[in-house]
C-alpha atoms as a PDB file:
ATOM      1  CA  UNK A   1      -4.155  13.630 -44.791  1.00  0.00           C
ATOM      2  CA  UNK A   2      -2.347  12.097 -41.825  1.00  0.00           C
ATOM      3  CA  UNK A   3      -1.275  15.517 -40.581  1.00  0.00           C
ATOM      4  CA  UNK A   4      -4.848  16.746 -40.831  1.00  0.00           C
ATOM      5  CA  UNK A   5      -6.190  13.785 -38.864  1.00  0.00           C
ATOM      6  CA  UNK A   6      -3.523  14.290 -36.197  1.00  0.00           C
ATOM      7  CA  UNK A   7      -4.352  18.018 -35.991  1.00  0.00           C
ATOM      8  CA  UNK A   8      -8.069  17.297 -35.611  1.00  0.00           C
ATOM      9  CA  UNK A   9      -7.458  14.658 -32.942  1.00  0.00           C
ATOM     10  CA  UNK A  10      -5.105  16.972 -31.048  1.00  0.00           C
ATOM     11  CA  UNK A  11      -7.595  19.820 -31.317  1.00  0.00           C
ATOM     12  CA  UNK A  12     -10.378  17.654 -29.916  1.00  0.00           C
ATOM     13  CA  UNK A  13      -8.214  16.700 -26.951  1.00  0.00           C
ATOM     14  CA  UNK A  14      -7.335  20.372 -26.361  1.00  0.00           C
ATOM     15  CA  UNK A  15     -11.011  21.354 -26.472  1.00  0.00           C
ATOM     16  CA  UNK A  16     -11.928  18.557 -24.040  1.00  0.00           C
ATOM     17  CA  UNK A  17      -9.181  19.512 -21.582  1.00  0.00           C
ATOM     18  CA  UNK A  18     -10.149  23.189 -21.821  1.00  0.00           C
ATOM     19  CA  UNK A  19     -13.780  22.312 -21.219  1.00  0.00           C
ATOM     20  CA  UNK A  20     -12.900  20.349 -18.092  1.00  0.00           C
ATOM     21  CA  UNK A  21     -10.238  22.663 -16.672  1.00  0.00           C
ATOM     22  CA  UNK A  22     -10.983  26.033 -18.239  1.00  0.00           C
ATOM     23  CA  UNK A  23      -8.542  28.414 -19.936  1.00  0.00           C
ATOM     24  CA  UNK A  24      -6.896  29.047 -16.587  1.00  0.00           C
ATOM     25  CA  UNK A  25      -5.445  25.539 -16.749  1.00  0.00           C
ATOM     26  CA  UNK A  26      -3.307  26.472 -19.762  1.00  0.00           C
ATOM     27  CA  UNK A  27      -2.163  29.760 -18.245  1.00  0.00           C
ATOM     28  CA  UNK A  28      -1.256  27.941 -15.049  1.00  0.00           C
ATOM     29  CA  UNK A  29       0.607  25.245 -16.976  1.00  0.00           C
ATOM     30  CA  UNK A  30       2.663  27.755 -18.950  1.00  0.00           C
ATOM     31  CA  UNK A  31       3.304  29.755 -15.781  1.00  0.00           C
ATOM     32  CA  UNK A  32       4.578  26.619 -14.040  1.00  0.00           C
ATOM     33  CA  UNK A  33       6.910  25.822 -16.950  1.00  0.00           C
ATOM     34  CA  UNK A  34       8.331  29.348 -16.914  1.00  0.00           C
ATOM     35  CA  UNK A  35       8.758  29.285 -13.124  1.00  0.00           C
ATOM     36  CA  UNK A  36      10.521  25.919 -13.185  1.00  0.00           C
ATOM     37  CA  UNK A  37      12.817  26.843 -16.085  1.00  0.00           C
ATOM     38  CA  UNK A  38      13.906  30.041 -14.330  1.00  0.00           C
ATOM     39  CA  UNK A  39      14.186  28.469 -10.872  1.00  0.00           C
ATOM     40  CA  UNK A  40      17.528  28.776  -9.144  1.00  0.00           C
ATOM     41  CA  UNK A  41      16.628  25.724  -7.042  1.00  0.00           C
ATOM     42  CA  UNK A  42      15.658  23.220  -9.725  1.00  0.00           C
ATOM     43  CA  UNK A  43      15.526  24.556 -13.271  1.00  0.00           C
ATOM     44  CA  UNK A  44      16.184  21.003 -14.472  1.00  0.00           C
ATOM     45  CA  UNK A  45      15.976  17.772 -12.452  1.00  0.00           C
ATOM     46  CA  UNK A  46      18.964  15.782 -13.721  1.00  0.00           C
ATOM     47  CA  UNK A  47      21.256  16.414 -16.707  1.00  0.00           C
ATOM     48  CA  UNK A  48      21.737  19.768 -18.422  1.00  0.00           C
ATOM     49  CA  UNK A  49      20.192  20.409 -21.826  1.00  0.00           C
ATOM     50  CA  UNK A  50      23.588  20.003 -23.498  1.00  0.00           C
ATOM     51  CA  UNK A  51      24.061  16.621 -21.831  1.00  0.00           C
ATOM     52  CA  UNK A  52      20.568  15.495 -22.818  1.00  0.00           C
ATOM     53  CA  UNK A  53      21.509  16.169 -26.439  1.00  0.00           C
ATOM     54  CA  UNK A  54      25.140  15.122 -26.576  1.00  0.00           C
ATOM     55  CA  UNK A  55      26.298  13.047 -23.615  1.00  0.00           C
ATOM     56  CA  UNK A  56      27.305   9.469 -24.566  1.00  0.00           C
ATOM     57  CA  UNK A  57      24.118   8.004 -23.133  1.00  0.00           C
ATOM     58  CA  UNK A  58      21.863  10.282 -25.210  1.00  0.00           C
ATOM     59  CA  UNK A  59      23.883  10.977 -28.354  1.00  0.00           C
ATOM     60  CA  UNK A  60      22.771   7.784 -30.203  1.00  0.00           C
ATOM     61  CA  UNK A  61      19.124   8.743 -29.708  1.00  0.00           C
ATOM     62  CA  UNK A  62      19.727  12.303 -30.885  1.00  0.00           C
ATOM     63  CA  UNK A  63      21.540  10.975 -33.964  1.00  0.00           C
ATOM     64  CA  UNK A  64      18.686   8.574 -34.752  1.00  0.00           C
ATOM     65  CA  UNK A  65      16.147  11.384 -34.445  1.00  0.00           C
ATOM     66  CA  UNK A  66      18.095  13.595 -36.867  1.00  0.00           C
ATOM     67  CA  UNK A  67      18.595  10.625 -39.184  1.00  0.00           C
ATOM     68  CA  UNK A  68      14.858   9.893 -39.299  1.00  0.00           C
ATOM     69  CA  UNK A  69      13.998  13.529 -40.092  1.00  0.00           C
ATOM     70  CA  UNK A  70      16.508  13.760 -42.950  1.00  0.00           C
ATOM     71  CA  UNK A  71      15.810  10.246 -44.230  1.00  0.00           C
ATOM     72  CA  UNK A  72      12.078  10.776 -44.445  1.00  0.00           C
ATOM     73  CA  UNK A  73      12.485  14.056 -46.273  1.00  0.00           C
ATOM     74  CA  UNK A  74      14.864  12.560 -48.830  1.00  0.00           C
ATOM     75  CA  UNK A  75      12.595   9.547 -49.295  1.00  0.00           C
ATOM     76  CA  UNK A  76       9.609  11.698 -50.248  1.00  0.00           C
ATOM     77  CA  UNK A  77       7.902  11.740 -46.864  1.00  0.00           C
ATOM     78  CA  UNK A  78       8.082  15.519 -46.661  1.00  0.00           C
ATOM     79  CA  UNK A  79       5.044  16.188 -44.432  1.00  0.00           C
ATOM     80  CA  UNK A  80       5.953  13.353 -42.057  1.00  0.00           C
ATOM     81  CA  UNK A  81       9.531  14.568 -41.824  1.00  0.00           C
ATOM     82  CA  UNK A  82       8.337  18.109 -41.162  1.00  0.00           C
ATOM     83  CA  UNK A  83       5.979  16.864 -38.433  1.00  0.00           C
ATOM     84  CA  UNK A  84       8.804  14.892 -36.834  1.00  0.00           C
ATOM     85  CA  UNK A  85      11.053  17.959 -37.011  1.00  0.00           C
ATOM     86  CA  UNK A  86       8.366  20.014 -35.278  1.00  0.00           C
ATOM     87  CA  UNK A  87       8.018  17.318 -32.591  1.00  0.00           C
ATOM     88  CA  UNK A  88      11.773  17.014 -31.931  1.00  0.00           C
ATOM     89  CA  UNK A  89      12.038  20.000 -29.518  1.00  0.00           C
ATOM     90  CA  UNK A  90       9.164  18.544 -27.509  1.00  0.00           C
ATOM     91  CA  UNK A  91      10.910  15.172 -27.296  1.00  0.00           C
ATOM     92  CA  UNK A  92      14.086  16.812 -26.047  1.00  0.00           C
ATOM     93  CA  UNK A  93      12.313  19.152 -23.606  1.00  0.00           C
ATOM     94  CA  UNK A  94      10.287  16.357 -22.005  1.00  0.00           C
ATOM     95  CA  UNK A  95      13.448  14.301 -21.535  1.00  0.00           C
ATOM     96  CA  UNK A  96      15.246  17.348 -20.119  1.00  0.00           C
ATOM     97  CA  UNK A  97      12.485  18.131 -17.614  1.00  0.00           C
ATOM     98  CA  UNK A  98      11.969  14.578 -16.344  1.00  0.00           C
ATOM     99  CA  UNK A  99      13.950  13.031 -13.521  1.00  0.00           C
ATOM    100  CA  UNK A 100      16.380  10.433 -14.855  1.00  0.00           C
ATOM    101  CA  UNK A 101      16.174  11.799 -18.410  1.00  0.00           C
ATOM    102  CA  UNK A 102      14.881   8.592 -19.978  1.00  0.00           C
ATOM    103  CA  UNK A 103      14.175   9.301 -23.683  1.00  0.00           C
ATOM    104  CA  UNK A 104      10.922   7.381 -23.835  1.00  0.00           C
ATOM    105  CA  UNK A 105      10.115   9.004 -27.173  1.00  0.00           C
ATOM    106  CA  UNK A 106      12.546   6.525 -28.757  1.00  0.00           C
ATOM    107  CA  UNK A 107       9.783   3.912 -28.465  1.00  0.00           C
ATOM    108  CA  UNK A 108       7.474   6.084 -30.579  1.00  0.00           C
ATOM    109  CA  UNK A 109      10.261   6.838 -33.053  1.00  0.00           C
ATOM    110  CA  UNK A 110      11.049   3.128 -33.400  1.00  0.00           C
ATOM    111  CA  UNK A 111       7.404   2.330 -34.171  1.00  0.00           C
ATOM    112  CA  UNK A 112       7.217   5.169 -36.713  1.00  0.00           C
ATOM    113  CA  UNK A 113      10.345   3.897 -38.452  1.00  0.00           C
ATOM    114  CA  UNK A 114       8.815   0.412 -38.644  1.00  0.00           C
ATOM    115  CA  UNK A 115       5.708   1.954 -40.240  1.00  0.00           C
ATOM    116  CA  UNK A 116       7.962   3.735 -42.738  1.00  0.00           C
ATOM    117  CA  UNK A 117       9.776   0.460 -43.507  1.00  0.00           C
ATOM    118  CA  UNK A 118       6.442  -1.194 -44.234  1.00  0.00           C
ATOM    119  CA  UNK A 119       4.687   1.566 -46.224  1.00  0.00           C
ATOM    120  CA  UNK A 120       7.577   3.643 -47.611  1.00  0.00           C
ATOM    121  CA  UNK A 121       9.807   3.012 -50.613  1.00  0.00           C
ATOM    122  CA  UNK A 122      10.837  -0.663 -50.746  1.00  0.00           C
ATOM    123  CA  UNK A 123      14.497   0.165 -51.366  1.00  0.00           C
ATOM    124  CA  UNK A 124      14.654   2.013 -48.050  1.00  0.00           C
ATOM    125  CA  UNK A 125      12.939  -0.632 -45.926  1.00  0.00           C
ATOM    126  CA  UNK A 126      16.131  -2.345 -44.742  1.00  0.00           C
ATOM    127  CA  UNK A 127      17.755   0.869 -43.527  1.00  0.00           C
ATOM    128  CA  UNK A 128      14.551   2.043 -41.828  1.00  0.00           C
ATOM    129  CA  UNK A 129      14.143  -1.331 -40.088  1.00  0.00           C
ATOM    130  CA  UNK A 130      17.732  -1.211 -38.819  1.00  0.00           C
ATOM    131  CA  UNK A 131      17.186   2.307 -37.448  1.00  0.00           C
ATOM    132  CA  UNK A 132      13.927   1.206 -35.808  1.00  0.00           C
ATOM    133  CA  UNK A 133      15.654  -1.739 -34.139  1.00  0.00           C
ATOM    134  CA  UNK A 134      18.367   0.630 -32.880  1.00  0.00           C
ATOM    135  CA  UNK A 135      15.698   2.913 -31.341  1.00  0.00           C
ATOM    136  CA  UNK A 136      13.888  -0.002 -29.712  1.00  0.00           C
ATOM    137  CA  UNK A 137      17.149  -1.417 -28.364  1.00  0.00           C
ATOM    138  CA  UNK A 138      18.094   1.900 -26.765  1.00  0.00           C
ATOM    139  CA  UNK A 139      14.698   2.322 -25.107  1.00  0.00           C
ATOM    140  CA  UNK A 140      14.303  -1.350 -24.146  1.00  0.00           C
ATOM    141  CA  UNK A 141      15.517  -1.045 -20.507  1.00  0.00           C
ATOM    142  CA  UNK A 142      13.084   1.704 -19.545  1.00  0.00           C
ATOM    143  CA  UNK A 143      10.231   0.266 -21.646  1.00  0.00           C
ATOM    144  CA  UNK A 144      10.627  -3.195 -20.136  1.00  0.00           C
ATOM    145  CA  UNK A 145      10.807  -1.694 -16.648  1.00  0.00           C
ATOM    146  CA  UNK A 146       7.442   0.005 -17.169  1.00  0.00           C
ATOM    147  CA  UNK A 147       5.962  -3.145 -18.715  1.00  0.00           C
ATOM    148  CA  UNK A 148       6.720  -5.558 -15.906  1.00  0.00           C
ATOM    149  CA  UNK A 149       6.622  -3.112 -12.990  1.00  0.00           C
ATOM    150  CA  UNK A 150       3.027  -4.196 -12.127  1.00  0.00           C
ATOM    151  CA  UNK A 151       4.187  -7.819 -11.864  1.00  0.00           C
ATOM    152  CA  UNK A 152       7.014  -6.789  -9.555  1.00  0.00           C
ATOM    153  CA  UNK A 153       4.547  -4.851  -7.408  1.00  0.00           C
ATOM    154  CA  UNK A 154       2.381  -7.944  -7.014  1.00  0.00           C
ATOM    155  CA  UNK A 155       5.377  -9.818  -5.618  1.00  0.00           C
ATOM    156  CA  UNK A 156       6.245  -7.185  -2.997  1.00  0.00           C
ATOM    157  CA  UNK A 157       5.714  -7.843   0.691  1.00  0.00           C
ATOM    158  CA  UNK A 158       2.806  -5.641   1.913  1.00  0.00           C
ATOM    159  CA  UNK A 159       4.224  -5.729   5.434  1.00  0.00           C
ATOM    160  CA  UNK A 160       7.106  -3.488   4.321  1.00  0.00           C
ATOM    161  CA  UNK A 161       4.676  -0.716   3.330  1.00  0.00           C
ATOM    162  CA  UNK A 162       2.336   1.549   5.263  1.00  0.00           C
ATOM    163  CA  UNK A 163      -0.223   4.250   4.404  1.00  0.00           C
ATOM    164  CA  UNK A 164       1.178   7.616   3.354  1.00  0.00           C
ATOM    165  CA  UNK A 165      -1.787   9.631   4.643  1.00  0.00           C
ATOM    166  CA  UNK A 166      -3.631   9.256   7.958  1.00  0.00           C
ATOM    167  CA  UNK A 167      -7.124   9.538   6.465  1.00  0.00           C
ATOM    168  CA  UNK A 168      -8.820   6.087   6.254  1.00  0.00           C
ATOM    169  CA  UNK A 169     -10.259   7.020   2.853  1.00  0.00           C
ATOM    170  CA  UNK A 170      -6.691   7.265   1.478  1.00  0.00           C
ATOM    171  CA  UNK A 171      -5.228   4.224   3.205  1.00  0.00           C
ATOM    172  CA  UNK A 172      -4.703   2.524  -0.167  1.00  0.00           C
ATOM    173  CA  UNK A 173      -1.852   4.957  -0.977  1.00  0.00           C
ATOM    174  CA  UNK A 174       1.155   3.302   0.622  1.00  0.00           C
ATOM    175  CA  UNK A 175       4.902   3.979   0.752  1.00  0.00           C
ATOM    176  CA  UNK A 176       7.874   1.800   1.604  1.00  0.00           C
ATOM    177  CA  UNK A 177       8.469   2.019   5.345  1.00  0.00           C
ATOM    178  CA  UNK A 178      12.260   1.771   5.330  1.00  0.00           C
ATOM    179  CA  UNK A 179      12.772   4.385   2.634  1.00  0.00           C
ATOM    180  CA  UNK A 180      10.201   6.894   3.831  1.00  0.00           C
ATOM    181  CA  UNK A 181      10.244   6.481   7.609  1.00  0.00           C
ATOM    182  CA  UNK A 182      13.859   5.695   8.540  1.00  0.00           C
ATOM    183  CA  UNK A 183      15.831   8.928   8.764  1.00  0.00           C
ATOM    184  CA  UNK A 184      19.329   8.766   7.252  1.00  0.00           C
ATOM    185  CA  UNK A 185      21.549  11.822   6.884  1.00  0.00           C
ATOM    186  CA  UNK A 186      24.886  12.798   5.360  1.00  0.00           C
ATOM    187  CA  UNK A 187      26.853  14.889   7.820  1.00  0.00           C
ATOM    188  CA  UNK A 188      29.985  16.922   7.154  1.00  0.00           C
ATOM    189  CA  UNK A 189      32.865  15.880   9.402  1.00  0.00           C
ATOM    190  CA  UNK A 190      36.253  17.447  10.124  1.00  0.00           C
ATOM    191  CA  UNK A 191      38.990  16.437   7.721  1.00  0.00           C
ATOM    192  CA  UNK A 192      41.436  13.761   8.825  1.00  0.00           C
ATOM    193  CA  UNK A 193      44.167  15.943   7.324  1.00  0.00           C
ATOM    194  CA  UNK A 194      43.549  19.512   8.581  1.00  0.00           C
ATOM    195  CA  UNK A 195      46.105  20.998   6.192  1.00  0.00           C
ATOM    196  CA  UNK A 196      43.906  19.870   3.287  1.00  0.00           C
ATOM    197  CA  UNK A 197      40.634  21.107   4.682  1.00  0.00           C
ATOM    198  CA  UNK A 198      40.434  23.744   1.933  1.00  0.00           C
ATOM    199  CA  UNK A 199      40.189  20.971  -0.673  1.00  0.00           C
ATOM    200  CA  UNK A 200      36.810  19.867   0.640  1.00  0.00           C
ATOM    201  CA  UNK A 201      33.711  21.329  -1.053  1.00  0.00           C
ATOM    202  CA  UNK A 202      31.691  23.769   1.019  1.00  0.00           C
ATOM    203  CA  UNK A 203      27.933  24.278   0.559  1.00  0.00           C
ATOM    204  CA  UNK A 204      28.178  28.065   0.753  1.00  0.00           C
ATOM    205  CA  UNK A 205      30.544  30.897   1.476  1.00  0.00           C
ATOM    206  CA  UNK A 206      29.094  31.385   4.953  1.00  0.00           C
ATOM    207  CA  UNK A 207      27.291  28.968   7.288  1.00  0.00           C
ATOM    208  CA  UNK A 208      23.523  29.151   6.967  1.00  0.00           C
ATOM    209  CA  UNK A 209      21.745  30.451  10.034  1.00  0.00           C
ATOM    210  CA  UNK A 210      18.252  31.302  11.164  1.00  0.00           C
ATOM    211  CA  UNK A 211      17.537  33.897  13.862  1.00  0.00           C
ATOM    212  CA  UNK A 212      21.256  34.030  14.582  1.00  0.00           C
ATOM    213  CA  UNK A 213      21.624  30.269  15.113  1.00  0.00           C
ATOM    214  CA  UNK A 214      24.081  28.494  12.818  1.00  0.00           C
ATOM    215  CA  UNK A 215      22.529  25.371  11.322  1.00  0.00           C
ATOM    216  CA  UNK A 216      24.567  22.162  10.972  1.00  0.00           C
ATOM    217  CA  UNK A 217      26.052  21.076   7.646  1.00  0.00           C
ATOM    218  CA  UNK A 218      24.101  17.919   6.911  1.00  0.00           C
ATOM    219  CA  UNK A 219      21.553  16.623   4.435  1.00  0.00           C
ATOM    220  CA  UNK A 220      18.846  13.968   4.771  1.00  0.00           C
ATOM    221  CA  UNK A 221      18.778  11.106   2.271  1.00  0.00           C
ATOM    222  CA  UNK A 222      15.663   9.195   3.316  1.00  0.00           C
ATOM    223  CA  UNK A 223      12.762   9.321   5.743  1.00  0.00           C
ATOM    224  CA  UNK A 224      10.846  12.338   4.511  1.00  0.00           C
ATOM    225  CA  UNK A 225       7.442  10.997   5.544  1.00  0.00           C
ATOM    226  CA  UNK A 226       8.837  10.277   8.999  1.00  0.00           C
ATOM    227  CA  UNK A 227      10.183  13.834   9.214  1.00  0.00           C
ATOM    228  CA  UNK A 228       6.783  15.267   8.236  1.00  0.00           C
ATOM    229  CA  UNK A 229       5.022  13.172  10.889  1.00  0.00           C
ATOM    230  CA  UNK A 230       7.621  14.136  13.467  1.00  0.00           C
ATOM    231  CA  UNK A 231       7.072  17.825  12.608  1.00  0.00           C
ATOM    232  CA  UNK A 232       3.288  17.472  12.799  1.00  0.00           C
ATOM    233  CA  UNK A 233       3.624  15.863  16.245  1.00  0.00           C
ATOM    234  CA  UNK A 234       5.772  18.802  17.346  1.00  0.00           C
ATOM    235  CA  UNK A 235       3.149  21.238  16.031  1.00  0.00           C
ATOM    236  CA  UNK A 236       0.334  19.352  17.794  1.00  0.00           C
ATOM    237  CA  UNK A 237       2.329  19.484  21.033  1.00  0.00           C
ATOM    238  CA  UNK A 238       2.021  23.289  20.960  1.00  0.00           C
ATOM    239  CA  UNK A 239      -1.680  22.804  21.848  1.00  0.00           C
ATOM    240  CA  UNK A 240      -2.792  25.802  19.840  1.00  0.00           C
ATOM    241  CA  UNK A 241      -6.483  26.583  19.714  1.00  0.00           C
ATOM    242  CA  UNK A 242      -6.383  26.653  15.917  1.00  0.00           C
ATOM    243  CA  UNK A 243      -4.820  24.445  13.249  1.00  0.00           C
ATOM    244  CA  UNK A 244      -1.857  26.525  12.040  1.00  0.00           C
ATOM    245  CA  UNK A 245      -0.765  26.846   8.428  1.00  0.00           C
ATOM    246  CA  UNK A 246       2.814  25.642   8.361  1.00  0.00           C
ATOM    247  CA  UNK A 247       5.699  26.025   5.925  1.00  0.00           C
ATOM    248  CA  UNK A 248       8.717  23.725   5.962  1.00  0.00           C
ATOM    249  CA  UNK A 249      12.095  25.166   4.981  1.00  0.00           C
ATOM    250  CA  UNK A 250      12.932  22.288   2.667  1.00  0.00           C
ATOM    251  CA  UNK A 251      12.315  20.948  -0.818  1.00  0.00           C
ATOM    252  CA  UNK A 252       9.004  19.383   0.184  1.00  0.00           C
ATOM    253  CA  UNK A 253       6.487  20.504   2.749  1.00  0.00           C
ATOM    254  CA  UNK A 254       3.103  18.923   2.145  1.00  0.00           C
ATOM    255  CA  UNK A 255       1.750  18.933   5.704  1.00  0.00           C
ATOM    256  CA  UNK A 256      -1.807  19.157   4.425  1.00  0.00           C
ATOM    257  CA  UNK A 257      -1.428  15.868   2.521  1.00  0.00           C
ATOM    258  CA  UNK A 258      -0.188  13.865   5.497  1.00  0.00           C
ATOM    259  CA  UNK A 259      -2.059  15.432   8.403  1.00  0.00           C
ATOM    260  CA  UNK A 260      -5.132  17.443   9.292  1.00  0.00           C
ATOM    261  CA  UNK A 261      -3.224  20.739   9.093  1.00  0.00           C
ATOM    262  CA  UNK A 262      -4.829  23.145   6.611  1.00  0.00           C
ATOM    263  CA  UNK A 263      -3.497  23.895   3.138  1.00  0.00           C
ATOM    264  CA  UNK A 264      -1.557  27.137   2.997  1.00  0.00           C
ATOM    265  CA  UNK A 265      -2.865  29.010  -0.087  1.00  0.00           C
ATOM    266  CA  UNK A 266      -0.224  29.650  -2.731  1.00  0.00           C
ATOM    267  CA  UNK A 267       2.102  26.834  -1.683  1.00  0.00           C
ATOM    268  CA  UNK A 268       2.750  23.538  -3.457  1.00  0.00           C
ATOM    269  CA  UNK A 269       4.128  20.178  -2.264  1.00  0.00           C
ATOM    270  CA  UNK A 270       7.388  20.736  -4.180  1.00  0.00           C
ATOM    271  CA  UNK A 271       9.386  23.947  -3.866  1.00  0.00           C
ATOM    272  CA  UNK A 272      10.973  25.464  -6.957  1.00  0.00           C
ATOM    273  CA  UNK A 273      11.267  29.150  -6.224  1.00  0.00           C
ATOM    274  CA  UNK A 274       9.435  32.229  -5.007  1.00  0.00           C
ATOM    275  CA  UNK A 275       7.755  33.251  -1.762  1.00  0.00           C
ATOM    276  CA  UNK A 276       4.198  32.101  -2.438  1.00  0.00           C
ATOM    277  CA  UNK A 277       2.266  31.445   0.758  1.00  0.00           C
ATOM    278  CA  UNK A 278       4.942  32.719   3.134  1.00  0.00           C
ATOM    279  CA  UNK A 279       3.024  35.846   4.125  1.00  0.00           C
ATOM    280  CA  UNK A 280      -0.061  33.874   5.186  1.00  0.00           C
ATOM    281  CA  UNK A 281       1.739  31.098   7.096  1.00  0.00           C
ATOM    282  CA  UNK A 282       1.528  30.806  10.879  1.00  0.00           C
ATOM    283  CA  UNK A 283       4.481  28.513  11.568  1.00  0.00           C
ATOM    284  CA  UNK A 284       7.875  27.867   9.997  1.00  0.00           C
ATOM    285  CA  UNK A 285       9.432  24.430  10.441  1.00  0.00           C
ATOM    286  CA  UNK A 286      13.220  24.467   9.943  1.00  0.00           C
ATOM    287  CA  UNK A 287      14.838  21.010   9.788  1.00  0.00           C
ATOM    288  CA  UNK A 288      18.391  20.721  11.048  1.00  0.00           C
ATOM    289  CA  UNK A 289      19.186  18.282   8.219  1.00  0.00           C
ATOM    290  CA  UNK A 290      16.979  19.105   5.209  1.00  0.00           C
ATOM    291  CA  UNK A 291      16.566  17.053   2.063  1.00  0.00           C
ATOM    292  CA  UNK A 292      17.793  20.061   0.089  1.00  0.00           C
ATOM    293  CA  UNK A 293      20.164  22.567   1.672  1.00  0.00           C
ATOM    294  CA  UNK A 294      19.561  24.895  -1.298  1.00  0.00           C
ATOM    295  CA  UNK A 295      15.785  24.788  -0.855  1.00  0.00           C
ATOM    296  CA  UNK A 296      16.087  25.486   2.867  1.00  0.00           C
ATOM    297  CA  UNK A 297      18.319  28.459   2.168  1.00  0.00           C
ATOM    298  CA  UNK A 298      16.014  29.679  -0.612  1.00  0.00           C
ATOM    299  CA  UNK A 299      12.989  29.675   1.675  1.00  0.00           C
ATOM    300  CA  UNK A 300      14.821  31.302   4.571  1.00  0.00           C
ATOM    301  CA  UNK A 301      16.184  33.987   2.224  1.00  0.00           C
ATOM    302  CA  UNK A 302      12.663  34.589   0.898  1.00  0.00           C
ATOM    303  CA  UNK A 303      11.260  34.968   4.403  1.00  0.00           C
ATOM    304  CA  UNK A 304      14.095  37.332   5.320  1.00  0.00           C
ATOM    305  CA  UNK A 305      13.406  39.334   2.159  1.00  0.00           C
ATOM    306  CA  UNK A 306       9.799  39.821   3.258  1.00  0.00           C
ATOM    307  CA  UNK A 307      10.961  40.953   6.712  1.00  0.00           C
ATOM    308  CA  UNK A 308       8.802  38.352   8.427  1.00  0.00           C
ATOM    309  CA  UNK A 309       9.711  38.237  12.140  1.00  0.00           C
ATOM    310  CA  UNK A 310      10.366  34.787  13.594  1.00  0.00           C
ATOM    311  CA  UNK A 311       9.913  33.725  17.199  1.00  0.00           C
ATOM    312  CA  UNK A 312      11.035  30.286  18.310  1.00  0.00           C
ATOM    313  CA  UNK A 313       8.236  28.379  20.023  1.00  0.00           C
ATOM    314  CA  UNK A 314       9.619  24.831  20.174  1.00  0.00           C
ATOM    315  CA  UNK A 315      12.404  22.567  19.022  1.00  0.00           C
ATOM    316  CA  UNK A 316      13.140  18.866  18.842  1.00  0.00           C
ATOM    317  CA  UNK A 317      16.189  16.830  17.879  1.00  0.00           C
ATOM    318  CA  UNK A 318      15.297  17.307  14.213  1.00  0.00           C
ATOM    319  CA  UNK A 319      13.425  20.599  13.717  1.00  0.00           C
ATOM    320  CA  UNK A 320      12.946  24.113  15.079  1.00  0.00           C
ATOM    321  CA  UNK A 321       9.462  25.650  15.097  1.00  0.00           C
ATOM    322  CA  UNK A 322       9.076  29.391  14.623  1.00  0.00           C
ATOM    323  CA  UNK A 323       5.961  31.495  14.908  1.00  0.00           C
ATOM    324  CA  UNK A 324       5.764  33.794  11.875  1.00  0.00           C
ATOM    325  CA  UNK A 325       4.631  37.380  12.263  1.00  0.00           C
ATOM    326  CA  UNK A 326       3.230  39.712   9.661  1.00  0.00           C
ATOM    327  CA  UNK A 327       5.595  40.733   6.848  1.00  0.00           C
ATOM    328  CA  UNK A 328       6.986  44.255   7.028  1.00  0.00           C
ATOM    329  CA  UNK A 329       6.663  44.557   3.240  1.00  0.00           C
END
């Protein structure tokens, strides 16, 4: 009965979402998952799948999940155990695909084990309660952080924040000034011991270049909003008659969110892989110190693969602006 109710409720939600977004929403969602999982840039955001299952931080949760499945089955809760077994890959995949890899599903598992302790066989209540307490203890840090985060936000100093977007209608969306405006970079320096230079890690076999110019070996750590605004100011200084569609050779590049520059069809705020939107872009913004060296290289390689000619039109201390021609193929 419980499985049937859950199936009906899930089906109603699926019908509602389909009615609001259409079938294309599901195809787009699956397409995004496949693109992300096969991305050379960011197929997973933090730990590998093996680490999510077996690293010391996650192994207790994995063991508790397997314990609950087996325990329920042996206690006569066959359908519930089967449903939990079917849900386990989803728990693991969500943890694997989320930044930080917090297994928030442990909160749900702890509650389910408490329900089992209350309604299941009496002789198994003590063991189920102990397992539930273990789940809730493991998830307590992240659960408590989510619970009192609103209270922490109320205590923050508004003067240390400023609007993310220039539009007055979106002025309520604010970001921390120091983290998002101040530009900090990590820069590779010469070794103090030249004879051990080969022991230092190198980002690639050959220095990355664009239009024959070798780019410096550095990476930004903060100040992305400031970099976007700096780039937009450089674009505005070109005094073009039109508003160009721009692509940034970096992990992020949402000019259209933070300025009046138009959205470039096919692009997204976060870069995973592919060359979507490159052929229709007017300008390429190449930061000297990107937030992701790999993303910058991936985009430049994609543009080179399309044989899109680049012509430098401006540069600042932080970026180079290229006019993009029509792709040769």
